[in-house]
């Protein structure tokens, strides 16, 4: 006779598939927009200027911050299930609007407006879905929360890495819209699959820590990190094509290399934490980002392959920083506050770079060179946040610090 736990097993297996499948699709959906940047800025595509391309991400930033901060309240009132469905449905609307916008290319203003609304819904979806997915993953594996959340964020990162490669394939086939259409179809299937599932997690929401000096240090770090990650994630393809004269396929490979290294680095630093403690990694990685920015700004136009490799190095530098910001700063700031600061940095780089590039006449090469200063600032903030040395062990044994993946994962 089946025991009481046996009836739950099939449902739990389906819940695991729904939660982890949603993470993969969320990564794909998020990077679909920057992965199609060459289409948005091409004269025979949407014909967006550099300024319009940057502004396109403003609604996403605003709505992601709002959704991340309000998602916890919705969860308290309605439960994780409602947040899960609301987030994925917003992603679906975003993909549908993106596909539909190609039908309005005859009217530039209409197409651009549709893109703005599409990125707004992407911000809502991302801000709602990703935090609750992390919470559900932890609830599904209560005995191995860190591993469960790490695996979830690895799949999220895998989606961000696959999006540029898939976009390149669809662009080569002359049907760039195939990627958002495919993601939309998969989202519909996942929503239908998830309808009969409980998708709930137990546990109280953490209280907000006092706003000490360390609170502001971690907030500033999260904001600066958002700038450097997005400078790579949203402008890599345009840099490769416009500055290094790389073909479209290689430009997409450069963006995929960034996200793949960001994802792989997260797993790598978690695996070698016994030899390289989390605090040491936190202090080290800003220097890797700074080195990558120097390399990107100095790569000659005749060597676009080196440019792609440099973006991969930047991804390695970015990899574990946001998860470590959440983990190391968890006693000083709530994850939602850090995520909001990160998204503010995302917005600064997503649509703040455009005026400097177009209006102020600064080339992308100069902007990447200038970003070295932000990496150095992050290095200083890291030291201020966790100190110069790893704290000595307490008691008889050394407690291993845990790299806790961020609710946002690799973008």
Protein backbone atom coordinates (compact mmCIF):
# COMPACT_ATOMS: atom_id res chain seq x y z
CA UNK A 1 0.00 0.00 0.00
CA UNK A 2 1.31 3.42 -0.86
CA UNK A 3 2.29 5.56 2.06
CA UNK A 4 1.24 9.17 2.52
CA UNK A 5 4.50 10.44 1.08
CA UNK A 6 4.19 8.38 -2.10
CA UNK A 7 1.20 10.33 -3.39
CA UNK A 8 3.21 13.50 -3.12
CA UNK A 9 6.20 12.14 -5.07
CA UNK A 10 4.80 12.52 -8.64
CA UNK A 11 3.57 16.04 -7.88
CA UNK A 12 6.93 16.97 -6.37
CA UNK A 13 8.77 15.69 -9.44
CA UNK A 14 6.54 17.80 -11.66
CA UNK A 15 7.10 20.81 -9.41
CA UNK A 16 10.85 20.37 -9.79
CA UNK A 17 10.46 20.28 -13.56
CA UNK A 18 8.24 23.38 -13.54
CA UNK A 19 10.51 25.44 -11.28
CA UNK A 20 13.78 24.55 -13.00
CA UNK A 21 12.25 24.75 -16.46
CA UNK A 22 10.96 28.22 -15.63
CA UNK A 23 14.50 29.29 -14.67
CA UNK A 24 15.85 28.19 -18.06
CA UNK A 25 13.06 29.96 -19.95
CA UNK A 26 13.48 33.11 -17.86
CA UNK A 27 17.13 33.30 -18.85
CA UNK A 28 16.25 32.81 -22.51
CA UNK A 29 13.54 35.47 -22.42
CA UNK A 30 15.65 38.04 -20.60
CA UNK A 31 18.56 38.01 -23.03
CA UNK A 32 16.38 37.78 -26.13
CA UNK A 33 16.30 41.58 -26.26
CA UNK A 34 20.05 42.35 -26.12
CA UNK A 35 20.73 39.26 -28.25
CA UNK A 36 18.68 40.89 -31.02
CA UNK A 37 20.46 44.26 -30.68
CA UNK A 38 21.85 44.05 -34.21
CA UNK A 39 18.29 43.74 -35.56
CA UNK A 40 17.05 46.66 -33.48
CA UNK A 41 19.81 49.00 -34.70
CA UNK A 42 20.05 47.82 -38.32
CA UNK A 43 18.71 50.12 -41.04
CA UNK A 44 16.81 47.24 -42.62
CA UNK A 45 15.50 46.23 -39.18
CA UNK A 46 14.01 48.59 -36.61
CA UNK A 47 16.47 51.36 -37.36
CA UNK A 48 16.84 52.41 -33.72
CA UNK A 49 19.50 54.97 -32.88
CA UNK A 50 21.97 54.26 -30.08
CA UNK A 51 19.88 56.52 -27.85
CA UNK A 52 16.63 54.72 -28.67
CA UNK A 53 18.27 51.35 -28.11
CA UNK A 54 19.40 52.45 -24.66
CA UNK A 55 16.03 53.96 -23.73
CA UNK A 56 14.35 50.72 -24.77
CA UNK A 57 15.56 49.14 -21.51
CA UNK A 58 14.35 51.94 -19.22
CA UNK A 59 10.86 50.46 -18.66
CA UNK A 60 12.43 47.07 -17.91
CA UNK A 61 14.61 48.59 -15.19
CA UNK A 62 11.81 50.55 -13.55
CA UNK A 63 9.36 47.67 -13.56
CA UNK A 64 11.93 45.11 -12.42
CA UNK A 65 12.78 47.24 -9.39
CA UNK A 66 9.11 47.74 -8.56
CA UNK A 67 8.27 44.06 -9.05
CA UNK A 68 11.21 42.89 -6.95
CA UNK A 69 10.22 45.17 -4.07
CA UNK A 70 6.48 44.44 -4.31
CA UNK A 71 6.74 40.72 -5.06
CA UNK A 72 7.29 39.86 -1.41
CA UNK A 73 4.08 41.63 -0.40
CA UNK A 74 2.11 39.86 -3.10
CA UNK A 75 3.60 36.57 -1.94
CA UNK A 76 2.49 37.21 1.66
CA UNK A 77 -1.08 37.92 0.57
CA UNK A 78 -1.57 35.46 -2.27
CA UNK A 79 1.25 32.92 -1.99
CA UNK A 80 4.14 31.87 -4.23
CA UNK A 81 1.83 30.22 -6.76
CA UNK A 82 0.22 33.52 -7.79
CA UNK A 83 3.60 35.26 -8.06
CA UNK A 84 4.95 32.38 -10.17
CA UNK A 85 2.08 32.55 -12.65
CA UNK A 86 2.05 36.35 -12.76
CA UNK A 87 5.77 36.46 -13.51
CA UNK A 88 5.68 33.86 -16.28
CA UNK A 89 2.57 35.41 -17.82
CA UNK A 90 4.32 38.78 -17.93
CA UNK A 91 7.24 37.09 -19.73
CA UNK A 92 4.77 35.62 -22.23
CA UNK A 93 3.20 39.03 -22.91
CA UNK A 94 6.69 40.47 -23.41
CA UNK A 95 7.63 37.85 -26.00
CA UNK A 96 4.27 38.26 -27.78
CA UNK A 97 4.75 42.03 -28.02
CA UNK A 98 8.28 41.58 -29.32
CA UNK A 99 7.09 39.23 -32.07
CA UNK A 100 4.15 41.50 -32.86
CA UNK A 101 6.32 44.60 -33.11
CA UNK A 102 7.84 43.35 -36.37
CA UNK A 103 4.41 43.81 -37.97
CA UNK A 104 4.60 47.52 -37.14
CA UNK A 105 7.96 48.23 -38.79
CA UNK A 106 6.16 50.43 -41.33
CA UNK A 107 5.58 52.92 -38.49
CA UNK A 108 8.74 53.54 -36.47
CA UNK A 109 6.96 55.21 -33.54
CA UNK A 110 4.47 52.34 -33.18
CA UNK A 111 7.17 49.66 -33.33
CA UNK A 112 9.33 51.49 -30.80
CA UNK A 113 6.38 51.93 -28.43
CA UNK A 114 5.65 48.21 -28.63
CA UNK A 115 9.28 47.48 -27.75
CA UNK A 116 9.05 49.77 -24.72
CA UNK A 117 5.94 47.99 -23.49
CA UNK A 118 7.57 44.62 -24.19
CA UNK A 119 10.62 45.43 -22.05
CA UNK A 120 8.32 46.76 -19.31
CA UNK A 121 6.57 43.39 -19.14
CA UNK A 122 9.96 41.66 -19.17
CA UNK A 123 10.92 43.71 -16.12
CA UNK A 124 7.71 42.70 -14.36
CA UNK A 125 8.23 39.05 -15.22
CA UNK A 126 11.85 39.01 -14.17
CA UNK A 127 11.22 40.90 -10.93
CA UNK A 128 8.38 38.60 -9.91
CA UNK A 129 9.44 35.20 -11.17
CA UNK A 130 13.12 34.90 -10.33
CA UNK A 131 12.96 35.56 -6.57
CA UNK A 132 10.01 33.21 -6.13
CA UNK A 133 11.72 30.51 -8.21
CA UNK A 134 14.66 30.59 -5.81
CA UNK A 135 12.31 30.33 -2.85
CA UNK A 136 10.45 27.39 -4.41
CA UNK A 137 13.73 25.61 -5.25
CA UNK A 138 14.84 25.87 -1.63
CA UNK A 139 11.48 24.54 -0.43
CA UNK A 140 11.68 21.55 -2.79
CA UNK A 141 15.07 20.54 -1.36
CA UNK A 142 15.00 21.74 2.27
CA UNK A 143 17.99 19.59 3.19
CA UNK A 144 20.18 20.95 0.39
CA UNK A 145 19.02 24.50 -0.13
CA UNK A 146 22.38 25.86 -1.31
CA UNK A 147 22.79 23.16 -3.96
CA UNK A 148 19.17 23.53 -5.07
CA UNK A 149 19.45 27.29 -5.52
CA UNK A 150 22.84 27.01 -7.21
CA UNK A 151 21.41 24.53 -9.72
CA UNK A 152 18.47 26.84 -10.39
CA UNK A 153 20.75 29.80 -11.05
CA UNK A 154 22.99 27.66 -13.24
CA UNK A 155 19.97 26.89 -15.45
CA UNK A 156 19.02 30.55 -15.46
CA UNK A 157 22.54 31.34 -16.59
CA UNK A 158 22.40 28.60 -19.20
CA UNK A 159 19.36 30.30 -20.69
CA UNK A 160 21.18 33.64 -20.86
CA UNK A 161 24.14 31.95 -22.55
CA UNK A 162 21.99 30.08 -25.09
CA UNK A 163 19.93 33.12 -26.14
CA UNK A 164 22.68 34.87 -28.19
CA UNK A 165 23.60 31.63 -29.96
CA UNK A 166 19.98 30.81 -30.81
CA UNK A 167 19.37 34.40 -31.89
CA UNK A 168 22.35 34.16 -34.25
CA UNK A 169 20.90 31.01 -35.80
CA UNK A 170 17.48 32.59 -36.33
CA UNK A 171 19.03 35.78 -37.74
CA UNK A 172 21.05 33.66 -40.17
CA UNK A 173 17.82 31.97 -41.24
CA UNK A 174 16.24 35.38 -41.83
CA UNK A 175 13.68 34.90 -39.07
CA UNK A 176 15.09 36.57 -35.93
CA UNK A 177 11.59 36.59 -34.44
CA UNK A 178 11.75 32.79 -34.25
CA UNK A 179 13.51 32.96 -30.88
CA UNK A 180 10.88 35.03 -29.00
CA UNK A 181 8.16 32.99 -30.73
CA UNK A 182 9.74 29.74 -29.56
CA UNK A 183 10.19 31.09 -26.03
CA UNK A 184 6.54 32.21 -26.00
CA UNK A 185 5.37 28.75 -27.10
CA UNK A 186 7.46 27.10 -24.38
CA UNK A 187 6.07 29.52 -21.78
CA UNK A 188 2.52 28.60 -22.77
CA UNK A 189 3.35 24.92 -22.42
CA UNK A 190 4.98 25.50 -19.04
CA UNK A 191 2.03 27.53 -17.74
CA UNK A 192 -0.39 24.78 -18.73
CA UNK A 193 1.87 22.14 -17.19
CA UNK A 194 2.03 24.13 -13.94
CA UNK A 195 -1.72 24.69 -13.46
CA UNK A 196 -2.40 21.56 -11.32
CA UNK A 197 0.76 21.96 -9.21
CA UNK A 198 0.77 23.39 -5.65
CA UNK A 199 3.88 25.59 -6.11
CA UNK A 200 3.93 26.85 -2.53
CA UNK A 201 6.72 27.25 0.01
CA UNK A 202 6.54 27.78 3.75
CA UNK A 203 8.56 30.21 5.82
CA UNK A 204 8.49 33.74 7.14
CA UNK A 205 9.89 36.79 5.40
CA UNK A 206 13.08 38.11 7.01
CA UNK A 207 12.99 41.35 8.95
CA UNK A 208 14.77 44.34 7.48
CA UNK A 209 18.24 44.92 9.01
CA UNK A 210 19.25 48.32 10.39
CA UNK A 211 20.76 50.69 7.82
CA UNK A 212 24.35 50.85 8.99
CA UNK A 213 27.41 52.02 7.06
CA UNK A 214 27.87 48.46 5.76
CA UNK A 215 24.31 48.60 4.41
CA UNK A 216 25.26 51.50 2.15
CA UNK A 217 28.55 49.85 1.17
CA UNK A 218 26.73 46.76 -0.06
CA UNK A 219 24.07 48.89 -1.76
CA UNK A 220 26.78 50.86 -3.57
CA UNK A 221 28.53 47.63 -4.55
CA UNK A 222 25.33 46.13 -5.97
CA UNK A 223 24.67 49.31 -7.96
CA UNK A 224 28.22 49.40 -9.37
CA UNK A 225 28.07 45.73 -10.21
CA UNK A 226 24.83 46.29 -12.11
CA UNK A 227 26.61 48.89 -14.25
CA UNK A 228 29.58 46.71 -15.20
CA UNK A 229 27.51 43.58 -15.86
CA UNK A 230 25.07 45.43 -18.09
CA UNK A 231 27.80 47.30 -19.93
CA UNK A 232 28.93 43.87 -21.12
CA UNK A 233 25.55 42.19 -21.43
CA UNK A 234 23.75 44.92 -23.37
CA UNK A 235 26.57 46.52 -25.38
CA UNK A 236 28.86 43.60 -26.24
CA UNK A 237 27.31 42.88 -29.64
CA UNK A 238 27.31 46.54 -30.66
CA UNK A 239 30.94 46.87 -29.52
CA UNK A 240 32.00 43.79 -31.45
CA UNK A 241 30.27 44.91 -34.64
CA UNK A 242 30.80 48.65 -34.44
CA UNK A 243 34.30 48.87 -32.97
CA UNK A 244 35.95 45.56 -33.82
CA UNK A 245 34.10 45.08 -37.13
CA UNK A 246 33.23 41.50 -36.21
CA UNK A 247 30.68 39.53 -38.22
CA UNK A 248 27.27 39.03 -36.65
CA UNK A 249 28.00 35.41 -35.72
CA UNK A 250 31.19 36.28 -33.84
CA UNK A 251 29.46 39.18 -32.10
CA UNK A 252 26.79 36.77 -30.83
CA UNK A 253 29.52 34.36 -29.73
CA UNK A 254 31.12 37.16 -27.70
CA UNK A 255 27.88 37.79 -25.81
CA UNK A 256 27.35 34.06 -25.33
CA UNK A 257 30.93 33.78 -24.02
CA UNK A 258 30.21 36.49 -21.45
CA UNK A 259 27.08 34.78 -20.12
CA UNK A 260 28.59 31.28 -20.31
CA UNK A 261 31.66 32.39 -18.32
CA UNK A 262 29.41 34.17 -15.82
CA UNK A 263 27.44 30.96 -15.33
CA UNK A 264 30.42 28.62 -15.29
CA UNK A 265 32.36 30.89 -12.97
CA UNK A 266 29.58 30.77 -10.41
CA UNK A 267 29.78 26.99 -10.28
CA UNK A 268 33.61 27.07 -10.34
CA UNK A 269 34.01 29.41 -7.38
CA UNK A 270 31.45 27.47 -5.38
CA UNK A 271 33.38 24.25 -6.07
CA UNK A 272 36.82 25.65 -5.10
CA UNK A 273 35.59 27.55 -2.06
CA UNK A 274 37.59 25.20 0.18
CA UNK A 275 40.79 26.64 -1.33
CA UNK A 276 39.56 30.12 -2.27
CA UNK A 277 37.19 31.39 0.44
CA UNK A 278 34.14 33.43 -0.49
CA UNK A 279 35.53 36.67 0.95
CA UNK A 280 38.74 36.27 -1.04
CA UNK A 281 36.74 35.66 -4.21
CA UNK A 282 34.67 38.75 -3.48
CA UNK A 283 37.83 40.87 -3.27
CA UNK A 284 39.49 39.23 -6.29
CA UNK A 285 36.79 39.39 -8.97
CA UNK A 286 36.56 43.20 -9.34
CA UNK A 287 40.21 43.13 -10.41
CA UNK A 288 39.37 40.49 -13.03
CA UNK A 289 36.63 42.78 -14.36
CA UNK A 290 39.06 45.70 -14.47
CA UNK A 291 41.59 43.59 -16.40
CA UNK A 292 38.87 42.54 -18.84
CA UNK A 293 37.85 46.15 -19.46
CA UNK A 294 41.46 47.09 -20.16
CA UNK A 295 41.72 44.19 -22.61
CA UNK A 296 38.43 45.06 -24.34
CA UNK A 297 39.42 48.70 -24.77
CA UNK A 298 42.87 47.82 -26.19
CA UNK A 299 41.95 44.99 -28.57
CA UNK A 300 42.76 46.13 -32.13
CA UNK A 301 40.01 46.12 -34.71
CA UNK A 302 41.93 43.48 -36.63
CA UNK A 303 41.53 40.95 -33.81
CA UNK A 304 37.82 40.56 -33.03
CA UNK A 305 38.42 37.02 -31.72
CA UNK A 306 40.51 38.51 -28.91
CA UNK A 307 37.60 40.83 -28.22
CA UNK A 308 35.27 37.86 -27.81
CA UNK A 309 37.77 36.22 -25.44
CA UNK A 310 37.99 39.46 -23.44
CA UNK A 311 34.22 39.48 -22.98
CA UNK A 312 34.52 35.92 -21.72
CA UNK A 313 37.06 37.13 -19.15
CA UNK A 314 34.61 39.85 -18.13
CA UNK A 315 31.96 37.18 -17.61
CA UNK A 316 34.31 35.26 -15.33
CA UNK A 317 34.90 38.42 -13.33
CA UNK A 318 31.18 39.06 -12.98
CA UNK A 319 30.24 35.46 -12.24
CA UNK A 320 30.07 35.14 -8.46
CA UNK A 321 29.90 38.79 -7.45
CA UNK A 322 26.14 39.24 -7.24
CA UNK A 323 25.56 35.93 -5.41
CA UNK A 324 28.33 36.87 -2.98
CA UNK A 325 26.89 40.35 -2.53
CA UNK A 326 23.60 38.78 -1.43
CA UNK A 327 25.31 36.14 0.72
CA UNK A 328 27.93 38.28 2.45
CA UNK A 329 25.59 41.23 2.85
CA UNK A 330 22.57 39.30 4.07
CA UNK A 331 22.98 40.53 7.68
CA UNK A 332 23.25 44.15 6.55
CA UNK A 333 20.69 44.43 3.74
CA UNK A 334 17.70 42.45 2.54
CA UNK A 335 18.10 40.68 -0.81
CA UNK A 336 15.26 42.75 -2.27
CA UNK A 337 17.10 45.97 -1.42
CA UNK A 338 20.31 44.73 -3.01
CA UNK A 339 18.42 43.53 -6.08
CA UNK A 340 16.78 46.93 -6.46
CA UNK A 341 20.20 48.61 -6.29
CA UNK A 342 21.54 46.12 -8.84
CA UNK A 343 18.64 46.90 -11.17
CA UNK A 344 19.28 50.62 -10.77
CA UNK A 345 22.84 49.99 -11.94
CA UNK A 346 21.42 47.96 -14.81
CA UNK A 347 19.36 50.95 -15.84
CA UNK A 348 22.32 53.34 -15.65
CA UNK A 349 24.29 51.17 -18.08
CA UNK A 350 21.37 50.08 -20.25
CA UNK A 351 20.09 53.53 -21.16
CA UNK A 352 22.64 55.87 -19.57
CA UNK A 353 25.45 54.80 -21.90
CA UNK A 354 23.51 55.89 -24.98
CA UNK A 355 23.67 59.68 -24.32
CA UNK A 356 27.40 59.46 -23.61
CA UNK A 357 27.90 57.47 -26.79
CA UNK A 358 25.62 59.45 -29.09
CA UNK A 359 25.26 62.95 -27.62
CA UNK A 360 28.62 63.41 -25.90
CA UNK A 361 30.47 61.76 -28.76
CA UNK A 362 32.29 59.20 -26.61
CA UNK A 363 33.14 56.01 -28.45
CA UNK A 364 32.35 52.63 -26.97
CA UNK A 365 36.07 51.93 -26.73
CA UNK A 366 36.51 54.98 -24.50
CA UNK A 367 33.48 54.03 -22.41
CA UNK A 368 34.84 50.55 -21.74
CA UNK A 369 38.19 52.05 -20.83
CA UNK A 370 36.48 54.45 -18.46
CA UNK A 371 34.63 51.57 -16.84
CA UNK A 372 37.95 50.41 -15.39
CA UNK A 373 37.39 53.13 -12.77
CA UNK A 374 34.11 51.47 -11.75
CA UNK A 375 35.88 48.13 -11.39
CA UNK A 376 38.51 49.76 -9.17
CA UNK A 377 35.75 51.35 -7.09
CA UNK A 378 34.18 47.90 -6.67
CA UNK A 379 37.56 46.57 -5.51
CA UNK A 380 37.69 49.28 -2.85
CA UNK A 381 34.11 48.66 -1.77
CA UNK A 382 34.81 44.93 -1.51
CA UNK A 383 37.66 45.59 0.90
CA UNK A 384 35.49 47.98 2.91
CA UNK A 385 32.70 45.41 3.05
CA UNK A 386 34.59 42.26 4.06
CA UNK A 387 38.05 43.47 5.14
CA UNK A 388 41.49 42.75 3.76
CA UNK A 389 41.89 39.29 5.25
CA UNK A 390 39.71 36.25 5.63
CA UNK A 391 38.37 36.09 9.17
CA UNK A 392 40.15 33.52 11.37
CA UNK A 393 38.29 30.29 12.09
CA UNK A 394 36.17 30.10 15.20
CA UNK A 395 36.15 27.11 17.47
CA UNK A 396 38.00 23.95 16.63
CA UNK A 397 37.05 23.71 12.98
CA UNK A 398 36.91 26.13 10.14
CA UNK A 399 33.33 26.79 9.12
CA UNK A 400 33.12 26.89 5.37
CA UNK A 401 31.50 30.08 4.10
CA UNK A 402 28.74 29.33 1.65
CA UNK A 403 28.31 30.99 -1.72
CA UNK A 404 24.58 31.61 -1.80
CA UNK A 405 23.36 32.26 -5.33
CA UNK A 406 21.41 35.47 -5.79
CA UNK A 407 17.66 35.37 -6.55
CA UNK A 408 18.61 37.00 -9.90
CA UNK A 409 21.24 34.47 -10.93
CA UNK A 410 23.42 35.25 -14.18
CA UNK A 411 21.20 37.90 -16.28
